[in-house]
């Protein structure tokens, strides 16, 4: 059976309004996150923002950080560092696998 779009966590299925309602945030807040390159949702053929489930989880994380007093610049850097750390962990795991170390 073929995979359906809603099975893919990266499929851009949700509109700006739907995400704002889901997360109980203002649409302007979501636009601001996009304008400041904190999150970059996909765009529909008409240019409207479309969010994936993965994007929504990031917005939740960003909102938590903002609630703790972080600025958008700081949040953007935190997200960059989290991505870099995840990449280094993946590389370490691959290296250990190649060396036969199950740790």
PDB file of N, CA and C in Angstrom:
ATOM      1  N   UNK A   1       0.843  -1.175   0.000  1.00  0.00           N
ATOM      2  CA  UNK A   1       0.000   0.000   0.000  1.00  0.00           C
ATOM      3  C   UNK A   1       0.891   1.242   0.000  1.00  0.00           C
ATOM      4  N   UNK A   2       0.603   2.223  -0.840  1.00  0.00           N
ATOM      5  CA  UNK A   2       1.449   3.420  -0.902  1.00  0.00           C
ATOM      6  C   UNK A   2       1.329   4.248   0.379  1.00  0.00           C
ATOM      7  N   UNK A   3       2.419   4.947   0.672  1.00  0.00           N
ATOM      8  CA  UNK A   3       2.421   5.815   1.845  1.00  0.00           C
ATOM      9  C   UNK A   3       1.560   7.042   1.565  1.00  0.00           C
ATOM     10  N   UNK A   4       0.723   7.396   2.512  1.00  0.00           N
ATOM     11  CA  UNK A   4      -0.147   8.562   2.380  1.00  0.00           C
ATOM     12  C   UNK A   4       0.568   9.799   2.910  1.00  0.00           C
ATOM     13  N   UNK A   5       0.211  10.985   2.396  1.00  0.00           N
ATOM     14  CA  UNK A   5       0.899  12.206   2.852  1.00  0.00           C
ATOM     15  C   UNK A   5       0.868  12.407   4.358  1.00  0.00           C
ATOM     16  N   UNK A   6      -0.224  12.043   5.011  1.00  0.00           N
ATOM     17  CA  UNK A   6      -0.289  12.276   6.450  1.00  0.00           C
ATOM     18  C   UNK A   6       0.556  11.278   7.227  1.00  0.00           C
ATOM     19  N   UNK A   7       1.081  10.223   6.548  1.00  0.00           N
ATOM     20  CA  UNK A   7       2.013   9.297   7.178  1.00  0.00           C
ATOM     21  C   UNK A   7       3.422   9.888   7.247  1.00  0.00           C
ATOM     22  N   UNK A   8       3.699  10.855   6.399  1.00  0.00           N
ATOM     23  CA  UNK A   8       5.018  11.483   6.309  1.00  0.00           C
ATOM     24  C   UNK A   8       5.067  12.691   7.230  1.00  0.00           C
ATOM     25  N   UNK A   9       5.938  12.640   8.235  1.00  0.00           N
ATOM     26  CA  UNK A   9       6.014  13.749   9.193  1.00  0.00           C
ATOM     27  C   UNK A   9       6.529  15.041   8.570  1.00  0.00           C
ATOM     28  N   UNK A  10       7.086  14.953   7.358  1.00  0.00           N
ATOM     29  CA  UNK A  10       7.613  16.142   6.687  1.00  0.00           C
ATOM     30  C   UNK A  10       6.683  16.657   5.586  1.00  0.00           C
ATOM     31  N   UNK A  11       5.535  16.020   5.411  1.00  0.00           N
ATOM     32  CA  UNK A  11       4.574  16.462   4.386  1.00  0.00           C
ATOM     33  C   UNK A  11       3.917  17.772   4.840  1.00  0.00           C
ATOM     34  N   UNK A  12       3.968  18.808   4.018  1.00  0.00           N
ATOM     35  CA  UNK A  12       3.392  20.107   4.401  1.00  0.00           C
ATOM     36  C   UNK A  12       1.876  20.121   4.236  1.00  0.00           C
ATOM     37  N   UNK A  13       1.175  19.748   5.289  1.00  0.00           N
ATOM     38  CA  UNK A  13      -0.270  19.542   5.206  1.00  0.00           C
ATOM     39  C   UNK A  13      -1.108  20.613   5.901  1.00  0.00           C
ATOM     40  N   UNK A  14      -0.511  21.383   6.793  1.00  0.00           N
ATOM     41  CA  UNK A  14      -1.303  22.258   7.655  1.00  0.00           C
ATOM     42  C   UNK A  14      -1.105  23.734   7.304  1.00  0.00           C
ATOM     43  N   UNK A  15      -2.189  24.473   7.283  1.00  0.00           N
ATOM     44  CA  UNK A  15      -2.132  25.904   6.974  1.00  0.00           C
ATOM     45  C   UNK A  15      -1.705  26.694   8.210  1.00  0.00           C
ATOM     46  N   UNK A  16      -1.369  27.934   7.979  1.00  0.00           N
ATOM     47  CA  UNK A  16      -0.989  28.843   9.057  1.00  0.00           C
ATOM     48  C   UNK A  16      -2.095  28.914  10.108  1.00  0.00           C
ATOM     49  N   UNK A  17      -3.330  29.071   9.662  1.00  0.00           N
ATOM     50  CA  UNK A  17      -4.457  29.170  10.590  1.00  0.00           C
ATOM     51  C   UNK A  17      -4.661  27.896  11.399  1.00  0.00           C
ATOM     52  N   UNK A  18      -4.508  26.743  10.752  1.00  0.00           N
ATOM     53  CA  UNK A  18      -4.668  25.477  11.464  1.00  0.00           C
ATOM     54  C   UNK A  18      -3.609  25.326  12.553  1.00  0.00           C
ATOM     55  N   UNK A  19      -2.371  25.666  12.221  1.00  0.00           N
ATOM     56  CA  UNK A  19      -1.285  25.538  13.198  1.00  0.00           C
ATOM     57  C   UNK A  19      -1.477  26.530  14.336  1.00  0.00           C
ATOM     58  N   UNK A  20      -1.870  27.745  14.016  1.00  0.00           N
ATOM     59  CA  UNK A  20      -2.126  28.746  15.062  1.00  0.00           C
ATOM     60  C   UNK A  20      -3.215  28.247  16.009  1.00  0.00           C
ATOM     61  N   UNK A  21      -4.274  27.669  15.463  1.00  0.00           N
ATOM     62  CA  UNK A  21      -5.344  27.130  16.303  1.00  0.00           C
ATOM     63  C   UNK A  21      -4.858  25.955  17.146  1.00  0.00           C
ATOM     64  N   UNK A  22      -4.107  25.048  16.514  1.00  0.00           N
ATOM     65  CA  UNK A  22      -3.598  23.866  17.229  1.00  0.00           C
ATOM     66  C   UNK A  22      -2.743  24.247  18.421  1.00  0.00           C
ATOM     67  N   UNK A  23      -1.851  25.211  18.203  1.00  0.00           N
ATOM     68  CA  UNK A  23      -0.873  25.576  19.227  1.00  0.00           C
ATOM     69  C   UNK A  23      -1.318  26.747  20.088  1.00  0.00           C
ATOM     70  N   UNK A  24      -2.489  27.283  19.770  1.00  0.00           N
ATOM     71  CA  UNK A  24      -3.045  28.422  20.495  1.00  0.00           C
ATOM     72  C   UNK A  24      -2.059  29.594  20.527  1.00  0.00           C
ATOM     73  N   UNK A  25      -1.556  29.918  19.326  1.00  0.00           N
ATOM     74  CA  UNK A  25      -0.685  31.086  19.147  1.00  0.00           C
ATOM     75  C   UNK A  25      -1.296  31.964  18.065  1.00  0.00           C
ATOM     76  N   UNK A  26      -0.829  33.170  17.970  1.00  0.00           N
ATOM     77  CA  UNK A  26      -1.321  34.079  16.932  1.00  0.00           C
ATOM     78  C   UNK A  26      -0.655  33.759  15.598  1.00  0.00           C
ATOM     79  N   UNK A  27      -1.395  33.988  14.530  1.00  0.00           N
ATOM     80  CA  UNK A  27      -0.841  33.794  13.195  1.00  0.00           C
ATOM     81  C   UNK A  27       0.360  34.707  12.974  1.00  0.00           C
ATOM     82  N   UNK A  28       0.303  35.904  13.524  1.00  0.00           N
ATOM     83  CA  UNK A  28       1.412  36.852  13.387  1.00  0.00           C
ATOM     84  C   UNK A  28       2.690  36.293  14.022  1.00  0.00           C
ATOM     85  N   UNK A  29       2.540  35.544  15.103  1.00  0.00           N
ATOM     86  CA  UNK A  29       3.692  34.913  15.756  1.00  0.00           C
ATOM     87  C   UNK A  29       4.348  33.918  14.801  1.00  0.00           C
ATOM     88  N   UNK A  30       3.547  33.104  14.128  1.00  0.00           N
ATOM     89  CA  UNK A  30       4.090  32.136  13.177  1.00  0.00           C
ATOM     90  C   UNK A  30       4.766  32.840  12.001  1.00  0.00           C
ATOM     91  N   UNK A  31       4.163  33.923  11.530  1.00  0.00           N
ATOM     92  CA  UNK A  31       4.776  34.692  10.432  1.00  0.00           C
ATOM     93  C   UNK A  31       6.116  35.276  10.878  1.00  0.00           C
ATOM     94  N   UNK A  32       6.148  35.733  12.105  1.00  0.00           N
ATOM     95  CA  UNK A  32       7.386  36.320  12.641  1.00  0.00           C
ATOM     96  C   UNK A  32       8.491  35.273  12.728  1.00  0.00           C
ATOM     97  N   UNK A  33       8.152  34.063  13.135  1.00  0.00           N
ATOM     98  CA  UNK A  33       9.152  32.990  13.188  1.00  0.00           C
ATOM     99  C   UNK A  33       9.718  32.727  11.799  1.00  0.00           C
ATOM    100  N   UNK A  34       8.865  32.770  10.794  1.00  0.00           N
ATOM    101  CA  UNK A  34       9.302  32.572   9.413  1.00  0.00           C
ATOM    102  C   UNK A  34      10.154  33.759   8.956  1.00  0.00           C
ATOM    103  N   UNK A  35       9.713  34.958   9.240  1.00  0.00           N
ATOM    104  CA  UNK A  35      10.450  36.160   8.825  1.00  0.00           C
ATOM    105  C   UNK A  35      11.852  36.225   9.441  1.00  0.00           C
ATOM    106  N   UNK A  36      12.003  35.681  10.649  1.00  0.00           N
ATOM    107  CA  UNK A  36      13.292  35.686  11.339  1.00  0.00           C
ATOM    108  C   UNK A  36      14.074  34.385  11.111  1.00  0.00           C
ATOM    109  N   UNK A  37      13.633  33.586  10.151  1.00  0.00           N
ATOM    110  CA  UNK A  37      14.317  32.332   9.787  1.00  0.00           C
ATOM    111  C   UNK A  37      14.487  31.367  10.959  1.00  0.00           C
ATOM    112  N   UNK A  38      13.539  31.400  11.879  1.00  0.00           N
ATOM    113  CA  UNK A  38      13.553  30.444  12.980  1.00  0.00           C
ATOM    114  C   UNK A  38      12.956  29.128  12.485  1.00  0.00           C
ATOM    115  N   UNK A  39      11.903  29.218  11.706  1.00  0.00           N
ATOM    116  CA  UNK A  39      11.270  28.066  11.057  1.00  0.00           C
ATOM    117  C   UNK A  39      10.904  28.497   9.641  1.00  0.00           C
ATOM    118  N   UNK A  40      11.101  27.617   8.702  1.00  0.00           N
ATOM    119  CA  UNK A  40      10.802  27.938   7.304  1.00  0.00           C
ATOM    120  C   UNK A  40       9.827  26.914   6.735  1.00  0.00           C
ATOM    121  N   UNK A  41       8.535  27.159   6.910  1.00  0.00           N
ATOM    122  CA  UNK A  41       7.553  26.210   6.383  1.00  0.00           C
ATOM    123  C   UNK A  41       7.573  26.201   4.854  1.00  0.00           C
ATOM    124  N   UNK A  42       7.045  25.134   4.284  1.00  0.00           N
ATOM    125  CA  UNK A  42       6.908  25.059   2.827  1.00  0.00           C
ATOM    126  C   UNK A  42       5.881  26.075   2.373  1.00  0.00           C
ATOM    127  N   UNK A  43       5.799  26.265   1.091  1.00  0.00           N
ATOM    128  CA  UNK A  43       4.803  27.179   0.516  1.00  0.00           C
ATOM    129  C   UNK A  43       3.952  26.409  -0.486  1.00  0.00           C
ATOM    130  N   UNK A  44       2.667  26.717  -0.506  1.00  0.00           N
ATOM    131  CA  UNK A  44       1.764  26.132  -1.495  1.00  0.00           C
ATOM    132  C   UNK A  44       2.032  26.802  -2.834  1.00  0.00           C
ATOM    133  N   UNK A  45       1.414  26.308  -3.886  1.00  0.00           N
ATOM    134  CA  UNK A  45       1.589  26.918  -5.209  1.00  0.00           C
ATOM    135  C   UNK A  45       1.103  28.368  -5.200  1.00  0.00           C
ATOM    136  N   UNK A  46       0.198  28.697  -4.300  1.00  0.00           N
ATOM    137  CA  UNK A  46      -0.297  30.066  -4.165  1.00  0.00           C
ATOM    138  C   UNK A  46       0.528  30.918  -3.214  1.00  0.00           C
ATOM    139  N   UNK A  47       1.607  30.353  -2.657  1.00  0.00           N
ATOM    140  CA  UNK A  47       2.493  31.107  -1.780  1.00  0.00           C
ATOM    141  C   UNK A  47       2.126  31.073  -0.303  1.00  0.00           C
ATOM    142  N   UNK A  48       1.116  30.294   0.055  1.00  0.00           N
ATOM    143  CA  UNK A  48       0.705  30.230   1.461  1.00  0.00           C
ATOM    144  C   UNK A  48       1.584  29.254   2.230  1.00  0.00           C
ATOM    145  N   UNK A  49       1.844  29.602   3.479  1.00  0.00           N
ATOM    146  CA  UNK A  49       2.673  28.742   4.324  1.00  0.00           C
ATOM    147  C   UNK A  49       1.962  27.424   4.578  1.00  0.00           C
ATOM    148  N   UNK A  50       2.730  26.331   4.519  1.00  0.00           N
ATOM    149  CA  UNK A  50       2.225  24.991   4.816  1.00  0.00           C
ATOM    150  C   UNK A  50       3.196  24.316   5.775  1.00  0.00           C
ATOM    151  N   UNK A  51       2.668  23.841   6.882  1.00  0.00           N
ATOM    152  CA  UNK A  51       3.482  23.262   7.945  1.00  0.00           C
ATOM    153  C   UNK A  51       3.329  21.747   7.979  1.00  0.00           C
ATOM    154  N   UNK A  52       4.426  21.077   8.271  1.00  0.00           N
ATOM    155  CA  UNK A  52       4.415  19.631   8.464  1.00  0.00           C
ATOM    156  C   UNK A  52       4.301  19.341   9.960  1.00  0.00           C
ATOM    157  N   UNK A  53       4.101  18.076  10.299  1.00  0.00           N
ATOM    158  CA  UNK A  53       4.087  17.704  11.719  1.00  0.00           C
ATOM    159  C   UNK A  53       5.441  18.014  12.348  1.00  0.00           C
ATOM    160  N   UNK A  54       6.507  17.803  11.596  1.00  0.00           N
ATOM    161  CA  UNK A  54       7.847  18.114  12.089  1.00  0.00           C
ATOM    162  C   UNK A  54       7.980  19.613  12.374  1.00  0.00           C
ATOM    163  N   UNK A  55       7.485  20.452  11.468  1.00  0.00           N
ATOM    164  CA  UNK A  55       7.509  21.903  11.681  1.00  0.00           C
ATOM    165  C   UNK A  55       6.736  22.286  12.938  1.00  0.00           C
ATOM    166  N   UNK A  56       5.603  21.646  13.141  1.00  0.00           N
ATOM    167  CA  UNK A  56       4.755  21.964  14.297  1.00  0.00           C
ATOM    168  C   UNK A  56       5.489  21.634  15.597  1.00  0.00           C
ATOM    169  N   UNK A  57       6.210  20.519  15.628  1.00  0.00           N
ATOM    170  CA  UNK A  57       6.988  20.174  16.825  1.00  0.00           C
ATOM    171  C   UNK A  57       8.081  21.207  17.087  1.00  0.00           C
ATOM    172  N   UNK A  58       8.699  21.701  16.025  1.00  0.00           N
ATOM    173  CA  UNK A  58       9.725  22.737  16.186  1.00  0.00           C
ATOM    174  C   UNK A  58       9.099  24.013  16.724  1.00  0.00           C
ATOM    175  N   UNK A  59       7.932  24.399  16.197  1.00  0.00           N
ATOM    176  CA  UNK A  59       7.258  25.603  16.694  1.00  0.00           C
ATOM    177  C   UNK A  59       6.920  25.442  18.173  1.00  0.00           C
ATOM    178  N   UNK A  60       6.487  24.258  18.583  1.00  0.00           N
ATOM    179  CA  UNK A  60       6.209  24.019  20.006  1.00  0.00           C
ATOM    180  C   UNK A  60       7.480  24.224  20.831  1.00  0.00           C
ATOM    181  N   UNK A  61       8.594  23.684  20.358  1.00  0.00           N
ATOM    182  CA  UNK A  61       9.876  23.813  21.050  1.00  0.00           C
ATOM    183  C   UNK A  61      10.289  25.289  21.131  1.00  0.00           C
ATOM    184  N   UNK A  62      10.148  25.991  20.017  1.00  0.00           N
ATOM    185  CA  UNK A  62      10.486  27.419  19.964  1.00  0.00           C
ATOM    186  C   UNK A  62       9.613  28.200  20.947  1.00  0.00           C
ATOM    187  N   UNK A  63       8.346  27.884  20.996  1.00  0.00           N
ATOM    188  CA  UNK A  63       7.428  28.573  21.906  1.00  0.00           C
ATOM    189  C   UNK A  63       7.831  28.342  23.355  1.00  0.00           C
ATOM    190  N   UNK A  64       8.227  27.109  23.684  1.00  0.00           N
ATOM    191  CA  UNK A  64       8.701  26.811  25.041  1.00  0.00           C
ATOM    192  C   UNK A  64       9.938  27.650  25.378  1.00  0.00           C
ATOM    193  N   UNK A  65      10.873  27.719  24.426  1.00  0.00           N
ATOM    194  CA  UNK A  65      12.088  28.518  24.649  1.00  0.00           C
ATOM    195  C   UNK A  65      11.753  30.004  24.806  1.00  0.00           C
ATOM    196  N   UNK A  66      10.845  30.502  23.993  1.00  0.00           N
ATOM    197  CA  UNK A  66      10.430  31.904  24.089  1.00  0.00           C
ATOM    198  C   UNK A  66       9.764  32.171  25.436  1.00  0.00           C
ATOM    199  N   UNK A  67       8.967  31.214  25.900  1.00  0.00           N
ATOM    200  CA  UNK A  67       8.313  31.363  27.201  1.00  0.00           C
ATOM    201  C   UNK A  67       9.329  31.413  28.344  1.00  0.00           C
ATOM    202  N   UNK A  68      10.518  30.841  28.104  1.00  0.00           N
ATOM    203  CA  UNK A  68      11.590  30.875  29.104  1.00  0.00           C
ATOM    204  C   UNK A  68      12.410  32.164  29.018  1.00  0.00           C
ATOM    205  N   UNK A  69      12.038  33.051  28.074  1.00  0.00           N
ATOM    206  CA  UNK A  69      12.700  34.340  27.976  1.00  0.00           C
ATOM    207  C   UNK A  69      13.765  34.442  26.894  1.00  0.00           C
ATOM    208  N   UNK A  70      13.900  33.413  26.063  1.00  0.00           N
ATOM    209  CA  UNK A  70      14.898  33.445  24.996  1.00  0.00           C
ATOM    210  C   UNK A  70      14.445  34.378  23.870  1.00  0.00           C
ATOM    211  N   UNK A  71      15.392  35.074  23.271  1.00  0.00           N
ATOM    212  CA  UNK A  71      15.098  35.909  22.110  1.00  0.00           C
ATOM    213  C   UNK A  71      15.064  35.031  20.859  1.00  0.00           C
ATOM    214  N   UNK A  72      14.505  35.565  19.770  1.00  0.00           N
ATOM    215  CA  UNK A  72      14.455  34.784  18.532  1.00  0.00           C
ATOM    216  C   UNK A  72      15.853  34.508  17.982  1.00  0.00           C
ATOM    217  N   UNK A  73      16.757  35.431  18.158  1.00  0.00           N
ATOM    218  CA  UNK A  73      18.144  35.214  17.714  1.00  0.00           C
ATOM    219  C   UNK A  73      18.760  34.064  18.502  1.00  0.00           C
ATOM    220  N   UNK A  74      18.559  34.066  19.815  1.00  0.00           N
ATOM    221  CA  UNK A  74      19.090  32.987  20.656  1.00  0.00           C
ATOM    222  C   UNK A  74      18.432  31.654  20.296  1.00  0.00           C
ATOM    223  N   UNK A  75      17.137  31.673  20.056  1.00  0.00           N
ATOM    224  CA  UNK A  75      16.414  30.451  19.704  1.00  0.00           C
ATOM    225  C   UNK A  75      16.928  29.887  18.385  1.00  0.00           C
ATOM    226  N   UNK A  76      17.138  30.758  17.412  1.00  0.00           N
ATOM    227  CA  UNK A  76      17.661  30.298  16.122  1.00  0.00           C
ATOM    228  C   UNK A  76      19.014  29.618  16.313  1.00  0.00           C
ATOM    229  N   UNK A  77      19.871  30.196  17.143  1.00  0.00           N
ATOM    230  CA  UNK A  77      21.196  29.600  17.403  1.00  0.00           C
ATOM    231  C   UNK A  77      21.072  28.279  18.154  1.00  0.00           C
ATOM    232  N   UNK A  78      20.162  28.204  19.100  1.00  0.00           N
ATOM    233  CA  UNK A  78      19.928  26.949  19.830  1.00  0.00           C
ATOM    234  C   UNK A  78      19.501  25.857  18.863  1.00  0.00           C
ATOM    235  N   UNK A  79      18.587  26.171  17.951  1.00  0.00           N
ATOM    236  CA  UNK A  79      18.134  25.184  16.971  1.00  0.00           C
ATOM    237  C   UNK A  79      19.288  24.726  16.075  1.00  0.00           C
ATOM    238  N   UNK A  80      20.147  25.660  15.663  1.00  0.00           N
ATOM    239  CA  UNK A  80      21.316  25.309  14.853  1.00  0.00           C
ATOM    240  C   UNK A  80      22.225  24.351  15.618  1.00  0.00           C
ATOM    241  N   UNK A  81      22.491  24.658  16.875  1.00  0.00           N
ATOM    242  CA  UNK A  81      23.361  23.817  17.693  1.00  0.00           C
ATOM    243  C   UNK A  81      22.740  22.438  17.942  1.00  0.00           C
ATOM    244  N   UNK A  82      21.427  22.399  18.129  1.00  0.00           N
ATOM    245  CA  UNK A  82      20.751  21.111  18.310  1.00  0.00           C
ATOM    246  C   UNK A  82      20.875  20.250  17.056  1.00  0.00           C
ATOM    247  N   UNK A  83      20.737  20.877  15.876  1.00  0.00           N
ATOM    248  CA  UNK A  83      20.898  20.132  14.611  1.00  0.00           C
ATOM    249  C   UNK A  83      22.333  19.629  14.456  1.00  0.00           C
ATOM    250  N   UNK A  84      23.310  20.489  14.787  1.00  0.00           N
ATOM    251  CA  UNK A  84      24.713  20.080  14.697  1.00  0.00           C
ATOM    252  C   UNK A  84      25.007  18.926  15.650  1.00  0.00           C
ATOM    253  N   UNK A  85      24.493  18.997  16.859  1.00  0.00           N
ATOM    254  CA  UNK A  85      24.704  17.936  17.835  1.00  0.00           C
ATOM    255  C   UNK A  85      24.096  16.615  17.350  1.00  0.00           C
ATOM    256  N   UNK A  86      22.896  16.679  16.793  1.00  0.00           N
ATOM    257  CA  UNK A  86      22.254  15.472  16.269  1.00  0.00           C
ATOM    258  C   UNK A  86      23.085  14.872  15.141  1.00  0.00           C
ATOM    259  N   UNK A  87      23.665  15.723  14.291  1.00  0.00           N
ATOM    260  CA  UNK A  87      24.497  15.249  13.188  1.00  0.00           C
ATOM    261  C   UNK A  87      25.779  14.592  13.709  1.00  0.00           C
ATOM    262  N   UNK A  88      26.405  15.207  14.702  1.00  0.00           N
ATOM    263  CA  UNK A  88      27.627  14.631  15.289  1.00  0.00           C
ATOM    264  C   UNK A  88      27.315  13.293  15.946  1.00  0.00           C
ATOM    265  N   UNK A  89      26.187  13.205  16.624  1.00  0.00           N
ATOM    266  CA  UNK A  89      25.804  11.928  17.252  1.00  0.00           C
ATOM    267  C   UNK A  89      25.578  10.846  16.202  1.00  0.00           C
ATOM    268  N   UNK A  90      24.952  11.226  15.070  1.00  0.00           N
ATOM    269  CA  UNK A  90      24.731  10.270  13.988  1.00  0.00           C
ATOM    270  C   UNK A  90      26.068   9.798  13.416  1.00  0.00           C
ATOM    271  N   UNK A  91      26.996  10.743  13.202  1.00  0.00           N
ATOM    272  CA  UNK A  91      28.312  10.392  12.677  1.00  0.00           C
ATOM    273  C   UNK A  91      29.071   9.484  13.637  1.00  0.00           C
ATOM    274  N   UNK A  92      28.981   9.765  14.922  1.00  0.00           N
ATOM    275  CA  UNK A  92      29.639   8.935  15.934  1.00  0.00           C
ATOM    276  C   UNK A  92      29.070   7.524  15.929  1.00  0.00           C
ATOM    277  N   UNK A  93      27.758   7.431  15.834  1.00  0.00           N
ATOM    278  CA  UNK A  93      27.123   6.110  15.789  1.00  0.00           C
ATOM    279  C   UNK A  93      27.577   5.324  14.561  1.00  0.00           C
ATOM    280  N   UNK A  94      27.632   6.008  13.400  1.00  0.00           N
ATOM    281  CA  UNK A  94      28.101   5.349  12.171  1.00  0.00           C
ATOM    282  C   UNK A  94      29.549   4.902  12.307  1.00  0.00           C
ATOM    283  N   UNK A  95      30.398   5.731  12.904  1.00  0.00           N
ATOM    284  CA  UNK A  95      31.802   5.375  13.084  1.00  0.00           C
ATOM    285  C   UNK A  95      31.945   4.175  14.013  1.00  0.00           C
ATOM    286  N   UNK A  96      31.173   4.170  15.074  1.00  0.00           N
ATOM    287  CA  UNK A  96      31.227   3.030  16.005  1.00  0.00           C
ATOM    288  C   UNK A  96      30.750   1.753  15.321  1.00  0.00           C
ATOM    289  N   UNK A  97      29.742   1.869  14.488  1.00  0.00           N
ATOM    290  CA  UNK A  97      29.244   0.690  13.761  1.00  0.00           C
ATOM    291  C   UNK A  97      30.325   0.157  12.827  1.00  0.00           C
ATOM    292  N   UNK A  98      31.005   1.056  12.109  1.00  0.00           N
ATOM    293  CA  UNK A  98      32.075   0.634  11.196  1.00  0.00           C
ATOM    294  C   UNK A  98      33.212  -0.046  11.955  1.00  0.00           C
ATOM    295  N   UNK A  99      33.486   0.413  13.176  1.00  0.00           N
ATOM    296  CA  UNK A  99      34.573  -0.144  13.970  1.00  0.00           C
ATOM    297  C   UNK A  99      34.142  -1.379  14.751  1.00  0.00           C
ATOM    298  N   UNK A 100      32.859  -1.702  14.686  1.00  0.00           N
ATOM    299  CA  UNK A 100      32.365  -2.880  15.391  1.00  0.00           C
ATOM    300  C   UNK A 100      32.110  -2.642  16.865  1.00  0.00           C
ATOM    301  N   UNK A 101      32.046  -1.398  17.275  1.00  0.00           N
ATOM    302  CA  UNK A 101      31.777  -1.046  18.663  1.00  0.00           C
ATOM    303  C   UNK A 101      30.266  -0.823  18.823  1.00  0.00           C
ATOM    304  N   UNK A 102      29.546  -1.683  19.546  1.00  0.00           N
ATOM    305  CA  UNK A 102      28.099  -1.556  19.668  1.00  0.00           C
ATOM    306  C   UNK A 102      27.631  -0.432  20.582  1.00  0.00           C
ATOM    307  N   UNK A 103      28.528   0.284  21.234  1.00  0.00           N
ATOM    308  CA  UNK A 103      28.156   1.318  22.196  1.00  0.00           C
ATOM    309  C   UNK A 103      27.454   2.479  21.572  1.00  0.00           C
TER     310      UNK A 103
END
